[in-house]
Amino acid sequence: RRRLGEPLPHQLADRPRAHPAPPELSTTKDAQGSEYPVLDPVSRACPRVQGRLPTCYSPVRH
């Protein structure tokens, strides 16, 4: 797809892409009755996932 150095003349550079959404992990009801009940209230005190800036991944050479 790419050669060393720059893109081929007929190829456009990759556009920035947004980060993928995080997977659904667990809910607070999953934590009920577990061995670590303190983790549920601690987790609720953490900020929710917010949006991120689009990022264009590119190797950097110095």
PDB file of N, CA and C in Angstrom:
ATOM      1  N   ARG A   1       0.810  -1.186   0.000  1.00  0.00           N
ATOM      2  CA  ARG A   1       0.000   0.000   0.000  1.00  0.00           C
ATOM      3  C   ARG A   1       0.854   1.251   0.000  1.00  0.00           C
ATOM      4  N   ARG A   2       1.956   1.247   0.725  1.00  0.00           N
ATOM      5  CA  ARG A   2       2.849   2.397   0.732  1.00  0.00           C
ATOM      6  C   ARG A   2       4.259   1.941   0.411  1.00  0.00           C
ATOM      7  N   ARG A   3       5.005   2.794  -0.156  1.00  0.00           N
ATOM      8  CA  ARG A   3       6.416   2.498  -0.342  1.00  0.00           C
ATOM      9  C   ARG A   3       7.191   3.313   0.681  1.00  0.00           C
ATOM     10  N   LEU A   4       8.447   3.029   0.838  1.00  0.00           N
ATOM     11  CA  LEU A   4       9.254   3.795   1.780  1.00  0.00           C
ATOM     12  C   LEU A   4       9.315   5.247   1.326  1.00  0.00           C
ATOM     13  N   GLY A   5       9.204   6.141   2.269  1.00  0.00           N
ATOM     14  CA  GLY A   5       9.264   7.560   1.927  1.00  0.00           C
ATOM     15  C   GLY A   5       7.887   8.166   1.857  1.00  0.00           C
ATOM     16  N   GLU A   6       7.449   8.522   0.677  1.00  0.00           N
ATOM     17  CA  GLU A   6       6.183   9.224   0.507  1.00  0.00           C
ATOM     18  C   GLU A   6       5.150   8.326  -0.171  1.00  0.00           C
ATOM     19  N   PRO A   7       3.853   8.714  -0.105  1.00  0.00           N
ATOM     20  CA  PRO A   7       2.835   7.920  -0.796  1.00  0.00           C
ATOM     21  C   PRO A   7       3.052   7.965  -2.312  1.00  0.00           C
ATOM     22  N   LEU A   8       2.582   6.952  -2.992  1.00  0.00           N
ATOM     23  CA  LEU A   8       2.647   6.957  -4.449  1.00  0.00           C
ATOM     24  C   LEU A   8       1.824   8.129  -4.981  1.00  0.00           C
ATOM     25  N   PRO A   9       2.140   8.656  -6.151  1.00  0.00           N
ATOM     26  CA  PRO A   9       1.445   9.858  -6.647  1.00  0.00           C
ATOM     27  C   PRO A   9      -0.072   9.710  -6.741  1.00  0.00           C
ATOM     28  N   HIS A  10      -0.591   8.520  -7.043  1.00  0.00           N
ATOM     29  CA  HIS A  10      -2.034   8.357  -7.201  1.00  0.00           C
ATOM     30  C   HIS A  10      -2.741   7.986  -5.899  1.00  0.00           C
ATOM     31  N   GLN A  11      -2.006   7.915  -4.794  1.00  0.00           N
ATOM     32  CA  GLN A  11      -2.616   7.570  -3.508  1.00  0.00           C
ATOM     33  C   GLN A  11      -2.749   8.808  -2.638  1.00  0.00           C
ATOM     34  N   LEU A  12      -3.876   8.925  -1.975  1.00  0.00           N
ATOM     35  CA  LEU A  12      -4.072   9.998  -1.010  1.00  0.00           C
ATOM     36  C   LEU A  12      -3.658   9.503   0.364  1.00  0.00           C
ATOM     37  N   ALA A  13      -3.236  10.426   1.206  1.00  0.00           N
ATOM     38  CA  ALA A  13      -2.863  10.069   2.573  1.00  0.00           C
ATOM     39  C   ALA A  13      -4.103   9.602   3.330  1.00  0.00           C
ATOM     40  N   ASP A  14      -3.907   8.782   4.347  1.00  0.00           N
ATOM     41  CA  ASP A  14      -5.020   8.327   5.183  1.00  0.00           C
ATOM     42  C   ASP A  14      -5.653   9.521   5.886  1.00  0.00           C
ATOM     43  N   ARG A  15      -6.971   9.505   5.943  1.00  0.00           N
ATOM     44  CA  ARG A  15      -7.684  10.575   6.643  1.00  0.00           C
ATOM     45  C   ARG A  15      -7.690  10.285   8.144  1.00  0.00           C
ATOM     46  N   PRO A  16      -7.823  11.337   8.972  1.00  0.00           N
ATOM     47  CA  PRO A  16      -7.926  11.104  10.418  1.00  0.00           C
ATOM     48  C   PRO A  16      -9.156  10.261  10.734  1.00  0.00           C
ATOM     49  N   ARG A  17      -9.026   9.402  11.722  1.00  0.00           N
ATOM     50  CA  ARG A  17     -10.146   8.553  12.135  1.00  0.00           C
ATOM     51  C   ARG A  17     -10.393   8.759  13.621  1.00  0.00           C
ATOM     52  N   ALA A  18     -11.647   8.725  13.995  1.00  0.00           N
ATOM     53  CA  ALA A  18     -11.995   8.833  15.410  1.00  0.00           C
ATOM     54  C   ALA A  18     -11.659   7.519  16.106  1.00  0.00           C
ATOM     55  N   HIS A  19     -11.389   7.604  17.404  1.00  0.00           N
ATOM     56  CA  HIS A  19     -11.120   6.400  18.181  1.00  0.00           C
ATOM     57  C   HIS A  19     -12.367   5.521  18.215  1.00  0.00           C
ATOM     58  N   PRO A  20     -12.217   4.216  18.206  1.00  0.00           N
ATOM     59  CA  PRO A  20     -13.396   3.352  18.289  1.00  0.00           C
ATOM     60  C   PRO A  20     -14.060   3.470  19.660  1.00  0.00           C
ATOM     61  N   ALA A  21     -15.343   3.239  19.696  1.00  0.00           N
ATOM     62  CA  ALA A  21     -16.073   3.294  20.963  1.00  0.00           C
ATOM     63  C   ALA A  21     -15.618   2.151  21.865  1.00  0.00           C
ATOM     64  N   PRO A  22     -15.549   2.392  23.183  1.00  0.00           N
ATOM     65  CA  PRO A  22     -15.148   1.307  24.082  1.00  0.00           C
ATOM     66  C   PRO A  22     -16.215   0.217  24.113  1.00  0.00           C
ATOM     67  N   PRO A  23     -15.813  -1.023  24.298  1.00  0.00           N
ATOM     68  CA  PRO A  23     -16.798  -2.110  24.346  1.00  0.00           C
ATOM     69  C   PRO A  23     -17.622  -2.034  25.631  1.00  0.00           C
ATOM     70  N   GLU A  24     -18.786  -2.616  25.602  1.00  0.00           N
ATOM     71  CA  GLU A  24     -19.610  -2.711  26.804  1.00  0.00           C
ATOM     72  C   GLU A  24     -18.953  -3.730  27.725  1.00  0.00           C
ATOM     73  N   LEU A  25     -18.504  -3.294  28.877  1.00  0.00           N
ATOM     74  CA  LEU A  25     -17.785  -4.194  29.767  1.00  0.00           C
ATOM     75  C   LEU A  25     -18.718  -4.829  30.791  1.00  0.00           C
ATOM     76  N   SER A  26     -19.190  -4.045  31.712  1.00  0.00           N
ATOM     77  CA  SER A  26     -20.096  -4.579  32.721  1.00  0.00           C
ATOM     78  C   SER A  26     -20.945  -3.437  33.262  1.00  0.00           C
ATOM     79  N   THR A  27     -21.989  -3.780  33.946  1.00  0.00           N
ATOM     80  CA  THR A  27     -22.871  -2.780  34.531  1.00  0.00           C
ATOM     81  C   THR A  27     -22.753  -2.851  36.048  1.00  0.00           C
ATOM     82  N   THR A  28     -23.351  -1.878  36.717  1.00  0.00           N
ATOM     83  CA  THR A  28     -23.296  -1.885  38.180  1.00  0.00           C
ATOM     84  C   THR A  28     -24.034  -3.093  38.750  1.00  0.00           C
ATOM     85  N   LYS A  29     -25.065  -3.593  38.046  1.00  0.00           N
ATOM     86  CA  LYS A  29     -25.764  -4.777  38.573  1.00  0.00           C
ATOM     87  C   LYS A  29     -24.857  -6.005  38.549  1.00  0.00           C
ATOM     88  N   ASP A  30     -23.861  -6.036  37.632  1.00  0.00           N
ATOM     89  CA  ASP A  30     -22.918  -7.151  37.604  1.00  0.00           C
ATOM     90  C   ASP A  30     -22.022  -7.159  38.844  1.00  0.00           C
ATOM     91  N   ALA A  31     -21.834  -6.000  39.470  1.00  0.00           N
ATOM     92  CA  ALA A  31     -20.951  -5.909  40.632  1.00  0.00           C
ATOM     93  C   ALA A  31     -21.669  -6.293  41.930  1.00  0.00           C
ATOM     94  N   GLN A  32     -22.979  -6.338  41.922  1.00  0.00           N
ATOM     95  CA  GLN A  32     -23.740  -6.662  43.128  1.00  0.00           C
ATOM     96  C   GLN A  32     -23.449  -8.098  43.561  1.00  0.00           C
ATOM     97  N   GLY A  33     -23.171  -8.272  44.827  1.00  0.00           N
ATOM     98  CA  GLY A  33     -22.943  -9.600  45.368  1.00  0.00           C
ATOM     99  C   GLY A  33     -21.589 -10.186  45.006  1.00  0.00           C
ATOM    100  N   SER A  34     -20.701  -9.359  44.504  1.00  0.00           N
ATOM    101  CA  SER A  34     -19.373  -9.877  44.162  1.00  0.00           C
ATOM    102  C   SER A  34     -18.484  -9.866  45.401  1.00  0.00           C
ATOM    103  N   GLU A  35     -17.286 -10.357  45.250  1.00  0.00           N
ATOM    104  CA  GLU A  35     -16.353 -10.401  46.370  1.00  0.00           C
ATOM    105  C   GLU A  35     -15.774  -9.035  46.700  1.00  0.00           C
ATOM    106  N   TYR A  36     -15.904  -8.064  45.785  1.00  0.00           N
ATOM    107  CA  TYR A  36     -15.329  -6.739  45.987  1.00  0.00           C
ATOM    108  C   TYR A  36     -16.413  -5.671  45.864  1.00  0.00           C
ATOM    109  N   PRO A  37     -17.346  -5.601  46.807  1.00  0.00           N
ATOM    110  CA  PRO A  37     -18.452  -4.649  46.684  1.00  0.00           C
ATOM    111  C   PRO A  37     -17.997  -3.194  46.712  1.00  0.00           C
ATOM    112  N   VAL A  38     -16.806  -2.901  47.237  1.00  0.00           N
ATOM    113  CA  VAL A  38     -16.331  -1.519  47.298  1.00  0.00           C
ATOM    114  C   VAL A  38     -16.003  -0.982  45.903  1.00  0.00           C
ATOM    115  N   LEU A  39     -15.746  -1.856  44.935  1.00  0.00           N
ATOM    116  CA  LEU A  39     -15.385  -1.389  43.598  1.00  0.00           C
ATOM    117  C   LEU A  39     -16.542  -0.686  42.893  1.00  0.00           C
ATOM    118  N   ASP A  40     -17.771  -1.072  43.175  1.00  0.00           N
ATOM    119  CA  ASP A  40     -18.915  -0.440  42.530  1.00  0.00           C
ATOM    120  C   ASP A  40     -18.997   1.047  42.868  1.00  0.00           C
ATOM    121  N   PRO A  41     -18.994   1.459  44.150  1.00  0.00           N
ATOM    122  CA  PRO A  41     -19.045   2.900  44.447  1.00  0.00           C
ATOM    123  C   PRO A  41     -17.796   3.638  43.963  1.00  0.00           C
ATOM    124  N   VAL A  42     -16.644   2.993  44.033  1.00  0.00           N
ATOM    125  CA  VAL A  42     -15.418   3.645  43.565  1.00  0.00           C
ATOM    126  C   VAL A  42     -15.508   3.886  42.059  1.00  0.00           C
ATOM    127  N   SER A  43     -16.019   2.911  41.330  1.00  0.00           N
ATOM    128  CA  SER A  43     -16.145   3.060  39.880  1.00  0.00           C
ATOM    129  C   SER A  43     -17.118   4.173  39.511  1.00  0.00           C
ATOM    130  N   ARG A  44     -18.178   4.333  40.283  1.00  0.00           N
ATOM    131  CA  ARG A  44     -19.142   5.396  39.989  1.00  0.00           C
ATOM    132  C   ARG A  44     -18.527   6.773  40.183  1.00  0.00           C
ATOM    133  N   ALA A  45     -17.489   6.885  41.025  1.00  0.00           N
ATOM    134  CA  ALA A  45     -16.842   8.174  41.252  1.00  0.00           C
ATOM    135  C   ALA A  45     -15.915   8.565  40.099  1.00  0.00           C
ATOM    136  N   CYS A  46     -15.562   7.620  39.243  1.00  0.00           N
ATOM    137  CA  CYS A  46     -14.675   7.911  38.107  1.00  0.00           C
ATOM    138  C   CYS A  46     -15.457   8.617  37.004  1.00  0.00           C
ATOM    139  N   PRO A  47     -14.796   9.512  36.265  1.00  0.00           N
ATOM    140  CA  PRO A  47     -15.500  10.196  35.174  1.00  0.00           C
ATOM    141  C   PRO A  47     -15.886   9.224  34.062  1.00  0.00           C
ATOM    142  N   ARG A  48     -16.987   9.530  33.387  1.00  0.00           N
ATOM    143  CA  ARG A  48     -17.451   8.703  32.277  1.00  0.00           C
ATOM    144  C   ARG A  48     -16.536   8.904  31.075  1.00  0.00           C
ATOM    145  N   VAL A  49     -16.583   7.978  30.140  1.00  0.00           N
ATOM    146  CA  VAL A  49     -15.790   8.094  28.921  1.00  0.00           C
ATOM    147  C   VAL A  49     -16.322   9.263  28.106  1.00  0.00           C
ATOM    148  N   GLN A  50     -15.413  10.128  27.660  1.00  0.00           N
ATOM    149  CA  GLN A  50     -15.812  11.266  26.840  1.00  0.00           C
ATOM    150  C   GLN A  50     -15.172  11.127  25.469  1.00  0.00           C
ATOM    151  N   GLY A  51     -15.579  11.964  24.550  1.00  0.00           N
ATOM    152  CA  GLY A  51     -15.053  11.914  23.190  1.00  0.00           C
ATOM    153  C   GLY A  51     -13.558  12.193  23.140  1.00  0.00           C
ATOM    154  N   ARG A  52     -12.949  11.785  22.052  1.00  0.00           N
ATOM    155  CA  ARG A  52     -11.528  12.027  21.837  1.00  0.00           C
ATOM    156  C   ARG A  52     -11.351  12.715  20.493  1.00  0.00           C
ATOM    157  N   LEU A  53     -10.213  13.335  20.337  1.00  0.00           N
ATOM    158  CA  LEU A  53      -9.918  13.983  19.069  1.00  0.00           C
ATOM    159  C   LEU A  53      -9.575  12.945  18.019  1.00  0.00           C
ATOM    160  N   PRO A  54      -9.982  13.161  16.772  1.00  0.00           N
ATOM    161  CA  PRO A  54      -9.568  12.237  15.709  1.00  0.00           C
ATOM    162  C   PRO A  54      -8.042  12.218  15.596  1.00  0.00           C
ATOM    163  N   THR A  55      -7.497  11.074  15.344  1.00  0.00           N
ATOM    164  CA  THR A  55      -6.048  10.913  15.287  1.00  0.00           C
ATOM    165  C   THR A  55      -5.667  10.255  13.974  1.00  0.00           C
ATOM    166  N   CYS A  56      -4.610  10.740  13.391  1.00  0.00           N
ATOM    167  CA  CYS A  56      -4.083  10.131  12.173  1.00  0.00           C
ATOM    168  C   CYS A  56      -2.775   9.452  12.561  1.00  0.00           C
ATOM    169  N   TYR A  57      -2.741   8.136  12.480  1.00  0.00           N
ATOM    170  CA  TYR A  57      -1.558   7.402  12.874  1.00  0.00           C
ATOM    171  C   TYR A  57      -0.538   7.447  11.748  1.00  0.00           C
ATOM    172  N   SER A  58       0.665   7.833  12.097  1.00  0.00           N
ATOM    173  CA  SER A  58       1.707   7.954  11.093  1.00  0.00           C
ATOM    174  C   SER A  58       3.049   7.710  11.765  1.00  0.00           C
ATOM    175  N   PRO A  59       3.918   6.940  11.142  1.00  0.00           N
ATOM    176  CA  PRO A  59       5.242   6.762  11.739  1.00  0.00           C
ATOM    177  C   PRO A  59       6.017   8.077  11.702  1.00  0.00           C
ATOM    178  N   VAL A  60       6.754   8.325  12.748  1.00  0.00           N
ATOM    179  CA  VAL A  60       7.561   9.542  12.833  1.00  0.00           C
ATOM    180  C   VAL A  60       9.021   9.132  12.757  1.00  0.00           C
ATOM    181  N   ARG A  61       9.719   9.749  11.879  1.00  0.00           N
ATOM    182  CA  ARG A  61      11.149   9.446  11.734  1.00  0.00           C
ATOM    183  C   ARG A  61      11.956  10.689  12.039  1.00  0.00           C
ATOM    184  N   HIS A  62      13.017  10.502  12.779  1.00  0.00           N
ATOM    185  CA  HIS A  62      13.907  11.630  13.111  1.00  0.00           C
ATOM    186  C   HIS A  62      15.267  11.383  12.541  1.00  0.00           C
TER     187      HIS A  62
END
